[in-house]
Amino acid sequence: MPSLKLVIANKAYSSWSFRPWILLTHFGVPFDEVVIPLDQPDTRARLLEYSPAARAPVLIDADTTVWDSLAIIEYLAELRPGLPVWPSELPARALARSLSAEMHSGFQALRQHCPAQFLRPVRAIPLPAEVDADVRRIEQAWRDARARFGSGGPFLFGAFCAADAMFAPVVNRLHIYDLAIGEEARAYCEAVRALPAWKAWIAGAQAETWRIAKYEAI
């Protein structure tokens, strides 16, 4: 049986849960999955059973509990040092970590106005200029990583790694809100969306019965 347990929120809406989930799934790391739907009367109480922060995702490894998507990714890199969670070369690894941290704490306009919604039909909506500024910065960051370290494959650092997992929800946002991006960024997004792990997450979201009206209305 898997030694790891990953507690996540709804696959239809939880961008934070998606990040460690797609990384674990892509690398074939076995884990048990616990889904706690958001916005339910018992959501907080159920999350508190696994984490003092009462937020998903949470990774449980025997007596060790790790919460927050980036912390989980770093734990996985230490737990399974043979997996290419981060790029092997120091300069590439430094950039991958920097971009992941920027994603973790930044791009607030994009997050606010284009919330994650993995089942939403593709449709543009009116957006403020701040969202476009976030998208331009994301494109610049992707272009830089690809130019410097991406020659070995279609992802930011050639092969899929933690930085791609961190930006995977952005790929979803760019797609479902039909945001204008250049051909290079579009090709990268298509490579991420073609991953079997991506498709498995979408299939899981489609199988869920919970829906949250405030996200469905956007």
N, C-alpha and C. Protein backbone atom coordinates (compact mmCIF):
# COMPACT_ATOMS: atom_id res chain seq x y z
N MET A 1 0.84 -1.20 0.00
CA MET A 1 0.00 0.00 0.00
C MET A 1 0.87 1.24 0.00
N PRO A 2 0.38 2.34 -0.60
CA PRO A 2 1.18 3.58 -0.61
C PRO A 2 1.44 4.08 0.81
N SER A 3 2.64 4.60 1.02
CA SER A 3 2.96 5.16 2.33
C SER A 3 2.53 6.61 2.44
N LEU A 4 2.25 7.24 1.31
CA LEU A 4 1.89 8.65 1.29
C LEU A 4 0.38 8.82 1.16
N LYS A 5 -0.13 9.85 1.82
CA LYS A 5 -1.54 10.23 1.68
C LYS A 5 -1.57 11.71 1.31
N LEU A 6 -2.29 12.05 0.26
CA LEU A 6 -2.43 13.45 -0.17
C LEU A 6 -3.88 13.87 0.01
N VAL A 7 -4.07 14.87 0.85
CA VAL A 7 -5.40 15.43 1.10
C VAL A 7 -5.56 16.64 0.19
N ILE A 8 -6.60 16.62 -0.64
CA ILE A 8 -6.83 17.69 -1.59
C ILE A 8 -8.26 18.19 -1.49
N ALA A 9 -8.51 19.34 -2.11
CA ALA A 9 -9.87 19.86 -2.24
C ALA A 9 -10.41 19.46 -3.61
N ASN A 10 -11.59 19.97 -3.94
CA ASN A 10 -12.24 19.62 -5.21
C ASN A 10 -11.28 19.76 -6.38
N LYS A 11 -11.24 18.76 -7.24
CA LYS A 11 -10.40 18.86 -8.43
C LYS A 11 -10.94 19.90 -9.41
N ALA A 12 -12.21 20.20 -9.34
CA ALA A 12 -12.78 21.20 -10.25
C ALA A 12 -12.26 22.61 -9.98
N TYR A 13 -11.82 22.87 -8.73
CA TYR A 13 -11.51 24.25 -8.36
C TYR A 13 -10.16 24.46 -7.66
N SER A 14 -9.53 23.43 -7.16
CA SER A 14 -8.39 23.63 -6.26
C SER A 14 -7.07 23.66 -7.00
N SER A 15 -6.61 24.86 -7.33
CA SER A 15 -5.32 25.02 -8.00
C SER A 15 -4.18 24.61 -7.09
N TRP A 16 -4.30 24.90 -5.79
CA TRP A 16 -3.22 24.55 -4.86
C TRP A 16 -3.07 23.05 -4.75
N SER A 17 -4.18 22.33 -4.71
CA SER A 17 -4.11 20.87 -4.63
C SER A 17 -3.52 20.27 -5.91
N PHE A 18 -3.81 20.91 -7.02
CA PHE A 18 -3.38 20.39 -8.32
C PHE A 18 -1.86 20.31 -8.42
N ARG A 19 -1.16 21.26 -7.83
CA ARG A 19 0.29 21.34 -8.01
C ARG A 19 1.02 20.08 -7.51
N PRO A 20 0.89 19.71 -6.24
CA PRO A 20 1.58 18.48 -5.82
C PRO A 20 0.97 17.23 -6.44
N TRP A 21 -0.34 17.26 -6.70
CA TRP A 21 -1.00 16.08 -7.29
C TRP A 21 -0.42 15.76 -8.66
N ILE A 22 -0.28 16.77 -9.52
CA ILE A 22 0.22 16.50 -10.87
C ILE A 22 1.68 16.07 -10.83
N LEU A 23 2.45 16.59 -9.87
CA LEU A 23 3.85 16.20 -9.76
C LEU A 23 3.97 14.74 -9.31
N LEU A 24 3.26 14.39 -8.25
CA LEU A 24 3.28 13.01 -7.77
C LEU A 24 2.80 12.04 -8.85
N THR A 25 1.73 12.42 -9.52
CA THR A 25 1.15 11.54 -10.53
C THR A 25 2.07 11.40 -11.73
N HIS A 26 2.64 12.51 -12.18
CA HIS A 26 3.53 12.46 -13.34
C HIS A 26 4.73 11.56 -13.08
N PHE A 27 5.28 11.61 -11.88
CA PHE A 27 6.46 10.81 -11.57
C PHE A 27 6.12 9.41 -11.07
N GLY A 28 4.84 9.08 -11.06
CA GLY A 28 4.44 7.73 -10.69
C GLY A 28 4.64 7.39 -9.24
N VAL A 29 4.60 8.38 -8.37
CA VAL A 29 4.76 8.14 -6.94
C VAL A 29 3.40 7.70 -6.39
N PRO A 30 3.30 6.51 -5.82
CA PRO A 30 1.99 6.05 -5.33
C PRO A 30 1.55 6.82 -4.08
N PHE A 31 0.28 7.13 -4.02
CA PHE A 31 -0.26 7.80 -2.85
C PHE A 31 -1.76 7.53 -2.75
N ASP A 32 -2.25 7.54 -1.54
CA ASP A 32 -3.69 7.50 -1.31
C ASP A 32 -4.22 8.93 -1.37
N GLU A 33 -5.40 9.07 -1.92
CA GLU A 33 -6.00 10.39 -2.12
C GLU A 33 -7.24 10.55 -1.24
N VAL A 34 -7.29 11.68 -0.54
CA VAL A 34 -8.46 12.04 0.24
C VAL A 34 -8.96 13.38 -0.29
N VAL A 35 -10.21 13.44 -0.73
CA VAL A 35 -10.78 14.67 -1.27
C VAL A 35 -11.77 15.24 -0.26
N ILE A 36 -11.55 16.49 0.12
CA ILE A 36 -12.45 17.20 1.02
C ILE A 36 -13.03 18.38 0.25
N PRO A 37 -14.30 18.34 -0.10
CA PRO A 37 -14.88 19.42 -0.90
C PRO A 37 -14.91 20.74 -0.16
N LEU A 38 -14.70 21.80 -0.90
CA LEU A 38 -14.71 23.15 -0.36
C LEU A 38 -16.13 23.64 -0.09
N ASP A 39 -16.23 24.67 0.74
CA ASP A 39 -17.49 25.39 0.98
C ASP A 39 -18.62 24.49 1.48
N GLN A 40 -18.27 23.47 2.25
CA GLN A 40 -19.27 22.62 2.89
C GLN A 40 -19.30 22.95 4.39
N PRO A 41 -20.40 22.68 5.07
CA PRO A 41 -20.46 23.00 6.50
C PRO A 41 -19.35 22.37 7.32
N ASP A 42 -18.88 21.19 6.90
CA ASP A 42 -17.86 20.49 7.68
C ASP A 42 -16.46 20.57 7.06
N THR A 43 -16.27 21.44 6.07
CA THR A 43 -14.98 21.49 5.38
C THR A 43 -13.84 21.80 6.34
N ARG A 44 -13.97 22.84 7.13
CA ARG A 44 -12.89 23.24 8.03
C ARG A 44 -12.61 22.14 9.06
N ALA A 45 -13.64 21.58 9.62
CA ALA A 45 -13.45 20.54 10.63
C ALA A 45 -12.74 19.33 10.03
N ARG A 46 -13.09 18.97 8.83
CA ARG A 46 -12.44 17.81 8.19
C ARG A 46 -10.98 18.11 7.87
N LEU A 47 -10.70 19.33 7.40
CA LEU A 47 -9.32 19.68 7.11
C LEU A 47 -8.46 19.72 8.38
N LEU A 48 -9.06 20.17 9.48
CA LEU A 48 -8.32 20.22 10.74
C LEU A 48 -7.92 18.84 11.24
N GLU A 49 -8.58 17.81 10.75
CA GLU A 49 -8.19 16.45 11.11
C GLU A 49 -6.81 16.10 10.55
N TYR A 50 -6.40 16.85 9.50
CA TYR A 50 -5.14 16.53 8.83
C TYR A 50 -4.08 17.62 8.97
N SER A 51 -4.51 18.87 9.15
CA SER A 51 -3.55 19.97 9.17
C SER A 51 -4.00 21.09 10.10
N PRO A 52 -3.09 21.67 10.88
CA PRO A 52 -3.48 22.79 11.75
C PRO A 52 -3.83 24.04 10.97
N ALA A 53 -3.40 24.11 9.71
CA ALA A 53 -3.73 25.26 8.88
C ALA A 53 -5.13 25.19 8.30
N ALA A 54 -5.75 24.01 8.35
CA ALA A 54 -7.11 23.79 7.84
C ALA A 54 -7.23 24.17 6.37
N ARG A 55 -6.19 23.85 5.63
CA ARG A 55 -6.20 24.12 4.19
C ARG A 55 -5.63 22.92 3.44
N ALA A 56 -6.09 22.75 2.23
CA ALA A 56 -5.54 21.72 1.34
C ALA A 56 -4.61 22.40 0.34
N PRO A 57 -3.56 21.66 -0.07
CA PRO A 57 -3.30 20.25 0.13
C PRO A 57 -2.49 19.98 1.39
N VAL A 58 -2.52 18.72 1.79
CA VAL A 58 -1.73 18.22 2.92
C VAL A 58 -1.15 16.88 2.50
N LEU A 59 0.14 16.69 2.74
CA LEU A 59 0.78 15.40 2.51
C LEU A 59 1.10 14.76 3.84
N ILE A 60 0.72 13.51 3.99
CA ILE A 60 0.98 12.77 5.22
C ILE A 60 1.86 11.57 4.87
N ASP A 61 2.99 11.50 5.55
CA ASP A 61 3.94 10.40 5.37
C ASP A 61 4.25 9.83 6.75
N ALA A 62 3.50 8.78 7.12
CA ALA A 62 3.63 8.20 8.45
C ALA A 62 3.38 9.28 9.51
N ASP A 63 4.38 9.61 10.31
CA ASP A 63 4.21 10.61 11.37
C ASP A 63 4.53 12.03 10.92
N THR A 64 4.83 12.20 9.66
CA THR A 64 5.19 13.52 9.14
C THR A 64 4.02 14.11 8.36
N THR A 65 3.68 15.34 8.68
CA THR A 65 2.61 16.06 7.98
C THR A 65 3.19 17.33 7.36
N VAL A 66 2.93 17.51 6.08
CA VAL A 66 3.44 18.67 5.35
C VAL A 66 2.26 19.35 4.66
N TRP A 67 2.09 20.64 4.87
CA TRP A 67 1.04 21.36 4.17
C TRP A 67 1.64 22.50 3.38
N ASP A 68 0.87 23.01 2.46
CA ASP A 68 1.27 24.02 1.47
C ASP A 68 1.93 23.31 0.28
N SER A 69 1.48 23.67 -0.91
CA SER A 69 1.91 22.95 -2.11
C SER A 69 3.41 23.00 -2.33
N LEU A 70 4.03 24.17 -2.13
CA LEU A 70 5.47 24.26 -2.37
C LEU A 70 6.26 23.49 -1.32
N ALA A 71 5.80 23.51 -0.08
CA ALA A 71 6.47 22.72 0.96
C ALA A 71 6.37 21.23 0.66
N ILE A 72 5.22 20.80 0.15
CA ILE A 72 5.05 19.39 -0.22
C ILE A 72 6.00 19.02 -1.35
N ILE A 73 6.15 19.90 -2.33
CA ILE A 73 7.06 19.63 -3.44
C ILE A 73 8.50 19.50 -2.94
N GLU A 74 8.91 20.39 -2.05
CA GLU A 74 10.26 20.31 -1.50
C GLU A 74 10.44 19.04 -0.68
N TYR A 75 9.43 18.65 0.05
CA TYR A 75 9.51 17.41 0.83
C TYR A 75 9.68 16.21 -0.10
N LEU A 76 8.92 16.19 -1.19
CA LEU A 76 9.04 15.11 -2.16
C LEU A 76 10.44 15.04 -2.74
N ALA A 77 11.03 16.20 -3.03
CA ALA A 77 12.39 16.23 -3.59
C ALA A 77 13.38 15.62 -2.61
N GLU A 78 13.19 15.83 -1.31
CA GLU A 78 14.08 15.25 -0.31
C GLU A 78 13.76 13.78 -0.06
N LEU A 79 12.48 13.45 -0.11
CA LEU A 79 12.06 12.07 0.15
C LEU A 79 12.51 11.13 -0.97
N ARG A 80 12.42 11.62 -2.20
CA ARG A 80 12.78 10.81 -3.37
C ARG A 80 13.88 11.53 -4.15
N PRO A 81 15.11 11.53 -3.66
CA PRO A 81 16.18 12.29 -4.32
C PRO A 81 16.51 11.78 -5.72
N GLY A 82 16.09 10.58 -6.05
CA GLY A 82 16.34 10.07 -7.39
C GLY A 82 15.38 10.61 -8.44
N LEU A 83 14.29 11.24 -8.00
CA LEU A 83 13.34 11.82 -8.95
C LEU A 83 13.81 13.20 -9.39
N PRO A 84 13.62 13.55 -10.66
CA PRO A 84 14.03 14.88 -11.13
C PRO A 84 12.98 15.94 -10.80
N VAL A 85 12.68 16.08 -9.52
CA VAL A 85 11.69 17.07 -9.09
C VAL A 85 12.16 18.47 -9.48
N TRP A 86 13.43 18.75 -9.26
CA TRP A 86 14.04 20.01 -9.68
C TRP A 86 15.12 19.72 -10.74
N PRO A 87 15.46 20.69 -11.57
CA PRO A 87 16.54 20.48 -12.54
C PRO A 87 17.85 20.11 -11.84
N SER A 88 18.66 19.33 -12.50
CA SER A 88 19.88 18.81 -11.87
C SER A 88 20.99 19.86 -11.76
N GLU A 89 21.06 20.78 -12.72
CA GLU A 89 22.12 21.78 -12.71
C GLU A 89 21.75 22.95 -11.78
N LEU A 90 22.74 23.42 -11.02
CA LEU A 90 22.47 24.45 -10.02
C LEU A 90 21.85 25.72 -10.59
N PRO A 91 22.36 26.31 -11.69
CA PRO A 91 21.74 27.53 -12.21
C PRO A 91 20.28 27.32 -12.62
N ALA A 92 20.01 26.18 -13.25
CA ALA A 92 18.63 25.89 -13.65
C ALA A 92 17.75 25.67 -12.43
N ARG A 93 18.29 24.98 -11.45
CA ARG A 93 17.53 24.71 -10.23
C ARG A 93 17.22 26.01 -9.49
N ALA A 94 18.18 26.91 -9.47
CA ALA A 94 17.96 28.20 -8.82
C ALA A 94 16.85 28.99 -9.50
N LEU A 95 16.86 29.00 -10.83
CA LEU A 95 15.81 29.71 -11.55
C LEU A 95 14.47 29.02 -11.36
N ALA A 96 14.45 27.70 -11.39
CA ALA A 96 13.19 26.97 -11.20
C ALA A 96 12.59 27.27 -9.84
N ARG A 97 13.43 27.33 -8.82
CA ARG A 97 12.92 27.65 -7.48
C ARG A 97 12.46 29.11 -7.40
N SER A 98 13.18 29.99 -8.03
CA SER A 98 12.79 31.41 -8.02
C SER A 98 11.44 31.61 -8.69
N LEU A 99 11.25 30.98 -9.85
CA LEU A 99 9.98 31.11 -10.56
C LEU A 99 8.85 30.47 -9.77
N SER A 100 9.13 29.34 -9.13
CA SER A 100 8.11 28.68 -8.32
C SER A 100 7.69 29.55 -7.14
N ALA A 101 8.66 30.19 -6.51
CA ALA A 101 8.34 31.09 -5.39
C ALA A 101 7.57 32.31 -5.87
N GLU A 102 7.95 32.84 -7.04
CA GLU A 102 7.21 33.98 -7.60
C GLU A 102 5.76 33.59 -7.88
N MET A 103 5.58 32.40 -8.42
CA MET A 103 4.22 31.91 -8.67
C MET A 103 3.46 31.72 -7.37
N HIS A 104 4.14 31.23 -6.38
CA HIS A 104 3.51 30.94 -5.09
C HIS A 104 2.96 32.18 -4.43
N SER A 105 3.65 33.31 -4.59
CA SER A 105 3.26 34.52 -3.86
C SER A 105 2.76 35.66 -4.75
N GLY A 106 2.84 35.49 -6.06
CA GLY A 106 2.55 36.61 -6.95
C GLY A 106 1.33 36.41 -7.82
N PHE A 107 1.23 37.30 -8.81
CA PHE A 107 0.18 37.26 -9.83
C PHE A 107 -1.22 37.33 -9.21
N GLN A 108 -1.37 38.27 -8.29
CA GLN A 108 -2.63 38.37 -7.55
C GLN A 108 -3.80 38.78 -8.44
N ALA A 109 -3.55 39.63 -9.42
CA ALA A 109 -4.66 40.06 -10.29
C ALA A 109 -5.20 38.88 -11.09
N LEU A 110 -4.30 38.07 -11.61
CA LEU A 110 -4.74 36.88 -12.37
C LEU A 110 -5.51 35.94 -11.47
N ARG A 111 -5.04 35.72 -10.26
CA ARG A 111 -5.73 34.83 -9.32
C ARG A 111 -7.13 35.36 -8.99
N GLN A 112 -7.18 36.68 -8.73
CA GLN A 112 -8.45 37.26 -8.28
C GLN A 112 -9.51 37.25 -9.37
N HIS A 113 -9.13 37.66 -10.56
CA HIS A 113 -10.11 37.85 -11.62
C HIS A 113 -10.33 36.60 -12.48
N CYS A 114 -9.41 35.65 -12.40
CA CYS A 114 -9.53 34.42 -13.18
C CYS A 114 -9.33 33.22 -12.27
N PRO A 115 -10.25 32.97 -11.37
CA PRO A 115 -10.07 31.85 -10.44
C PRO A 115 -10.01 30.52 -11.19
N ALA A 116 -9.29 29.57 -10.59
CA ALA A 116 -9.16 28.25 -11.20
C ALA A 116 -10.53 27.60 -11.32
N GLN A 117 -10.76 27.02 -12.48
CA GLN A 117 -12.01 26.31 -12.73
C GLN A 117 -11.72 25.34 -13.86
N PHE A 118 -11.53 24.09 -13.52
CA PHE A 118 -11.03 23.14 -14.50
C PHE A 118 -12.11 22.60 -15.44
N LEU A 119 -13.38 22.87 -15.15
CA LEU A 119 -14.46 22.38 -16.00
C LEU A 119 -15.15 23.49 -16.77
N ARG A 120 -14.71 24.70 -16.61
CA ARG A 120 -15.37 25.84 -17.24
C ARG A 120 -15.21 25.80 -18.76
N PRO A 121 -16.27 26.05 -19.52
CA PRO A 121 -16.12 26.18 -20.97
C PRO A 121 -15.18 27.34 -21.30
N VAL A 122 -14.41 27.20 -22.35
CA VAL A 122 -13.48 28.26 -22.74
C VAL A 122 -14.28 29.49 -23.17
N ARG A 123 -14.01 30.60 -22.48
CA ARG A 123 -14.76 31.82 -22.78
C ARG A 123 -14.02 33.00 -22.18
N ALA A 124 -13.82 34.05 -22.98
CA ALA A 124 -13.17 35.26 -22.48
C ALA A 124 -14.14 36.09 -21.66
N ILE A 125 -13.61 36.84 -20.70
CA ILE A 125 -14.39 37.78 -19.91
C ILE A 125 -13.63 39.10 -19.86
N PRO A 126 -14.33 40.21 -19.61
CA PRO A 126 -13.62 41.49 -19.48
C PRO A 126 -12.69 41.45 -18.26
N LEU A 127 -11.47 41.94 -18.45
CA LEU A 127 -10.47 41.88 -17.39
C LEU A 127 -9.72 43.20 -17.31
N PRO A 128 -9.28 43.60 -16.12
CA PRO A 128 -8.52 44.85 -15.97
C PRO A 128 -7.10 44.70 -16.49
N ALA A 129 -6.45 45.83 -16.66
CA ALA A 129 -5.09 45.84 -17.21
C ALA A 129 -4.11 45.09 -16.33
N GLU A 130 -4.39 45.03 -15.02
CA GLU A 130 -3.47 44.35 -14.12
C GLU A 130 -3.33 42.87 -14.47
N VAL A 131 -4.40 42.27 -14.98
CA VAL A 131 -4.32 40.86 -15.38
C VAL A 131 -3.40 40.70 -16.58
N ASP A 132 -3.53 41.61 -17.53
CA ASP A 132 -2.65 41.55 -18.70
C ASP A 132 -1.19 41.71 -18.29
N ALA A 133 -0.92 42.57 -17.32
CA ALA A 133 0.45 42.74 -16.84
C ALA A 133 0.98 41.45 -16.23
N ASP A 134 0.15 40.74 -15.48
CA ASP A 134 0.55 39.45 -14.93
C ASP A 134 0.86 38.46 -16.05
N VAL A 135 0.02 38.42 -17.05
CA VAL A 135 0.21 37.47 -18.14
C VAL A 135 1.50 37.77 -18.91
N ARG A 136 1.78 39.06 -19.13
CA ARG A 136 3.02 39.42 -19.83
C ARG A 136 4.25 39.01 -19.02
N ARG A 137 4.18 39.16 -17.71
CA ARG A 137 5.31 38.74 -16.86
C ARG A 137 5.47 37.21 -16.91
N ILE A 138 4.37 36.49 -16.88
CA ILE A 138 4.42 35.03 -16.97
C ILE A 138 5.05 34.60 -18.29
N GLU A 139 4.63 35.22 -19.37
CA GLU A 139 5.23 34.89 -20.67
C GLU A 139 6.73 35.17 -20.68
N GLN A 140 7.12 36.31 -20.11
CA GLN A 140 8.54 36.64 -20.05
C GLN A 140 9.32 35.60 -19.25
N ALA A 141 8.76 35.19 -18.11
CA ALA A 141 9.42 34.20 -17.26
C ALA A 141 9.56 32.87 -17.99
N TRP A 142 8.50 32.44 -18.64
CA TRP A 142 8.55 31.19 -19.40
C TRP A 142 9.56 31.27 -20.53
N ARG A 143 9.56 32.39 -21.23
CA ARG A 143 10.46 32.56 -22.37
C ARG A 143 11.93 32.50 -21.92
N ASP A 144 12.21 33.14 -20.79
CA ASP A 144 13.57 33.14 -20.26
C ASP A 144 14.02 31.73 -19.87
N ALA A 145 13.15 31.02 -19.15
CA ALA A 145 13.50 29.65 -18.73
C ALA A 145 13.71 28.75 -19.95
N ARG A 146 12.83 28.85 -20.90
CA ARG A 146 12.93 28.02 -22.10
C ARG A 146 14.20 28.34 -22.88
N ALA A 147 14.52 29.63 -23.01
CA ALA A 147 15.70 30.02 -23.78
C ALA A 147 16.98 29.56 -23.11
N ARG A 148 17.02 29.61 -21.80
CA ARG A 148 18.25 29.27 -21.09
C ARG A 148 18.41 27.78 -20.83
N PHE A 149 17.28 27.10 -20.52
CA PHE A 149 17.40 25.73 -20.04
C PHE A 149 16.41 24.75 -20.67
N GLY A 150 15.64 25.17 -21.65
CA GLY A 150 14.55 24.33 -22.13
C GLY A 150 14.81 23.56 -23.40
N SER A 151 16.05 23.47 -23.83
CA SER A 151 16.34 22.84 -25.12
C SER A 151 16.09 21.33 -25.13
N GLY A 152 16.00 20.72 -23.95
CA GLY A 152 15.87 19.26 -23.90
C GLY A 152 14.46 18.73 -23.94
N GLY A 153 13.48 19.59 -24.11
CA GLY A 153 12.09 19.13 -24.12
C GLY A 153 11.13 20.30 -24.19
N PRO A 154 9.82 20.04 -24.11
CA PRO A 154 8.83 21.09 -24.31
C PRO A 154 8.48 21.90 -23.06
N PHE A 155 9.08 21.55 -21.92
CA PHE A 155 8.69 22.21 -20.67
C PHE A 155 9.67 23.32 -20.31
N LEU A 156 9.45 23.99 -19.20
CA LEU A 156 10.23 25.18 -18.89
C LEU A 156 11.71 24.89 -18.81
N PHE A 157 12.06 23.73 -18.27
CA PHE A 157 13.48 23.35 -18.13
C PHE A 157 13.77 22.08 -18.93
N GLY A 158 13.08 21.92 -20.02
CA GLY A 158 13.23 20.75 -20.86
C GLY A 158 12.29 19.65 -20.43
N ALA A 159 12.67 18.91 -19.39
CA ALA A 159 11.80 17.88 -18.83
C ALA A 159 10.87 18.49 -17.79
N PHE A 160 9.73 17.86 -17.60
CA PHE A 160 8.76 18.32 -16.61
C PHE A 160 9.37 18.30 -15.22
N CYS A 161 9.16 19.36 -14.46
CA CYS A 161 9.71 19.45 -13.10
C CYS A 161 8.76 20.25 -12.22
N ALA A 162 9.20 20.55 -11.01
CA ALA A 162 8.35 21.24 -10.04
C ALA A 162 7.88 22.60 -10.54
N ALA A 163 8.71 23.30 -11.29
CA ALA A 163 8.29 24.62 -11.79
C ALA A 163 7.08 24.49 -12.70
N ASP A 164 7.04 23.45 -13.52
CA ASP A 164 5.89 23.23 -14.38
C ASP A 164 4.65 22.90 -13.55
N ALA A 165 4.84 22.12 -12.48
CA ALA A 165 3.72 21.81 -11.59
C ALA A 165 3.18 23.08 -10.94
N MET A 166 4.06 23.97 -10.54
CA MET A 166 3.63 25.22 -9.92
C MET A 166 2.85 26.10 -10.89
N PHE A 167 3.23 26.08 -12.16
CA PHE A 167 2.54 26.92 -13.15
C PHE A 167 1.37 26.21 -13.82
N ALA A 168 1.14 24.94 -13.50
CA ALA A 168 0.06 24.21 -14.17
C ALA A 168 -1.30 24.89 -14.01
N PRO A 169 -1.67 25.42 -12.82
CA PRO A 169 -2.95 26.12 -12.73
C PRO A 169 -3.01 27.39 -13.60
N VAL A 170 -1.86 28.02 -13.84
CA VAL A 170 -1.83 29.17 -14.75
C VAL A 170 -2.17 28.72 -16.16
N VAL A 171 -1.66 27.57 -16.55
CA VAL A 171 -2.00 27.02 -17.87
C VAL A 171 -3.50 26.87 -17.99
N ASN A 172 -4.13 26.38 -16.93
CA ASN A 172 -5.59 26.25 -16.92
C ASN A 172 -6.27 27.61 -17.08
N ARG A 173 -5.80 28.61 -16.33
CA ARG A 173 -6.41 29.93 -16.40
C ARG A 173 -6.27 30.54 -17.80
N LEU A 174 -5.09 30.45 -18.37
CA LEU A 174 -4.88 31.01 -19.70
C LEU A 174 -5.80 30.36 -20.72
N HIS A 175 -6.04 29.07 -20.53
CA HIS A 175 -6.88 28.33 -21.48
C HIS A 175 -8.35 28.68 -21.31
N ILE A 176 -8.89 28.53 -20.11
CA ILE A 176 -10.34 28.64 -19.95
C ILE A 176 -10.85 30.07 -20.08
N TYR A 177 -9.98 31.06 -19.79
CA TYR A 177 -10.39 32.45 -19.96
C TYR A 177 -9.93 33.02 -21.31
N ASP A 178 -9.38 32.16 -22.14
CA ASP A 178 -9.00 32.52 -23.51
C ASP A 178 -8.14 33.78 -23.55
N LEU A 179 -7.12 33.80 -22.69
CA LEU A 179 -6.25 34.97 -22.61
C LEU A 179 -5.25 34.98 -23.76
N ALA A 180 -4.94 36.16 -24.23
CA ALA A 180 -4.05 36.31 -25.39
C ALA A 180 -2.60 36.04 -24.98
N ILE A 181 -1.99 35.05 -25.62
CA ILE A 181 -0.58 34.73 -25.39
C ILE A 181 0.07 34.43 -26.73
N GLY A 182 1.40 34.51 -26.77
CA GLY A 182 2.14 34.25 -27.99
C GLY A 182 2.24 32.77 -28.30
N GLU A 183 2.76 32.47 -29.46
CA GLU A 183 2.84 31.10 -29.93
C GLU A 183 3.73 30.23 -29.05
N GLU A 184 4.83 30.79 -28.56
CA GLU A 184 5.73 30.00 -27.72
C GLU A 184 5.04 29.61 -26.41
N ALA A 185 4.36 30.55 -25.79
CA ALA A 185 3.63 30.24 -24.56
C ALA A 185 2.50 29.27 -24.83
N ARG A 186 1.85 29.42 -25.96
CA ARG A 186 0.75 28.51 -26.30
C ARG A 186 1.25 27.08 -26.49
N ALA A 187 2.40 26.95 -27.13
CA ALA A 187 2.97 25.62 -27.33
C ALA A 187 3.32 24.97 -25.99
N TYR A 188 3.84 25.77 -25.09
CA TYR A 188 4.14 25.25 -23.75
C TYR A 188 2.86 24.79 -23.05
N CYS A 189 1.82 25.61 -23.12
CA CYS A 189 0.55 25.25 -22.48
C CYS A 189 -0.01 23.96 -23.07
N GLU A 190 0.11 23.80 -24.36
CA GLU A 190 -0.40 22.58 -25.00
C GLU A 190 0.38 21.36 -24.54
N ALA A 191 1.69 21.52 -24.32
CA ALA A 191 2.50 20.40 -23.84
C ALA A 191 2.07 19.99 -22.43
N VAL A 192 1.78 20.97 -21.58
CA VAL A 192 1.35 20.66 -20.22
C VAL A 192 -0.02 19.99 -20.24
N ARG A 193 -0.93 20.52 -21.04
CA ARG A 193 -2.29 19.98 -21.09
C ARG A 193 -2.35 18.61 -21.75
N ALA A 194 -1.30 18.24 -22.46
CA ALA A 194 -1.24 16.91 -23.08
C ALA A 194 -0.74 15.83 -22.14
N LEU A 195 -0.24 16.21 -20.98
CA LEU A 195 0.29 15.23 -20.04
C LEU A 195 -0.80 14.27 -19.57
N PRO A 196 -0.50 12.97 -19.47
CA PRO A 196 -1.48 12.03 -18.91
C PRO A 196 -1.95 12.43 -17.51
N ALA A 197 -1.06 12.99 -16.70
CA ALA A 197 -1.45 13.41 -15.36
C ALA A 197 -2.46 14.54 -15.41
N TRP A 198 -2.29 15.46 -16.35
CA TRP A 198 -3.26 16.55 -16.52
C TRP A 198 -4.63 15.96 -16.87
N LYS A 199 -4.65 15.06 -17.84
CA LYS A 199 -5.91 14.48 -18.29
C LYS A 199 -6.57 13.67 -17.18
N ALA A 200 -5.77 13.03 -16.33
CA ALA A 200 -6.33 12.27 -15.23
C ALA A 200 -7.00 13.20 -14.21
N TRP A 201 -6.40 14.37 -13.96
CA TRP A 201 -7.01 15.34 -13.05
C TRP A 201 -8.35 15.84 -13.60
N ILE A 202 -8.39 16.15 -14.88
CA ILE A 202 -9.63 16.62 -15.50
C ILE A 202 -10.71 15.55 -15.40
N ALA A 203 -10.34 14.30 -15.67
CA ALA A 203 -11.31 13.21 -15.56
C ALA A 203 -11.84 13.10 -14.14
N GLY A 204 -10.97 13.29 -13.16
CA GLY A 204 -11.40 13.27 -11.78
C GLY A 204 -12.34 14.41 -11.45
N ALA A 205 -12.05 15.59 -11.99
CA ALA A 205 -12.94 16.74 -11.78
C ALA A 205 -14.31 16.49 -12.40
N GLN A 206 -14.33 15.90 -13.57
CA GLN A 206 -15.60 15.62 -14.24
C GLN A 206 -16.44 14.61 -13.46
N ALA A 207 -15.77 13.74 -12.72
CA ALA A 207 -16.50 12.71 -11.97
C ALA A 207 -17.05 13.23 -10.65
N GLU A 208 -16.63 14.41 -10.22
CA GLU A 208 -17.11 14.96 -8.95
C GLU A 208 -18.56 15.43 -9.07
N THR A 209 -19.26 15.37 -7.97
CA THR A 209 -20.65 15.83 -7.95
C THR A 209 -20.80 17.19 -7.29
N TRP A 210 -19.74 17.68 -6.58
CA TRP A 210 -19.85 18.96 -5.89
C TRP A 210 -19.65 20.10 -6.89
N ARG A 211 -20.47 21.12 -6.76
CA ARG A 211 -20.30 22.33 -7.55
C ARG A 211 -20.43 23.54 -6.64
N ILE A 212 -19.65 24.58 -6.91
CA ILE A 212 -19.66 25.80 -6.11
C ILE A 212 -20.16 26.93 -6.99
N ALA A 213 -21.30 27.50 -6.64
CA ALA A 213 -22.01 28.43 -7.51
C ALA A 213 -21.18 29.65 -7.87
N LYS A 214 -20.41 30.20 -6.92
CA LYS A 214 -19.69 31.44 -7.18
C LYS A 214 -18.62 31.25 -8.24
N TYR A 215 -18.09 30.03 -8.36
CA TYR A 215 -17.10 29.76 -9.42
C TYR A 215 -17.78 29.39 -10.72
N GLU A 216 -18.91 28.72 -10.64
CA GLU A 216 -19.61 28.33 -11.85
C GLU A 216 -20.18 29.54 -12.58
N ALA A 217 -20.44 30.63 -11.84
CA ALA A 217 -21.07 31.80 -12.44
C ALA A 217 -20.11 32.68 -13.22
N ILE A 218 -18.79 32.48 -13.05
CA ILE A 218 -17.82 33.38 -13.70
C ILE A 218 -17.75 33.08 -15.18
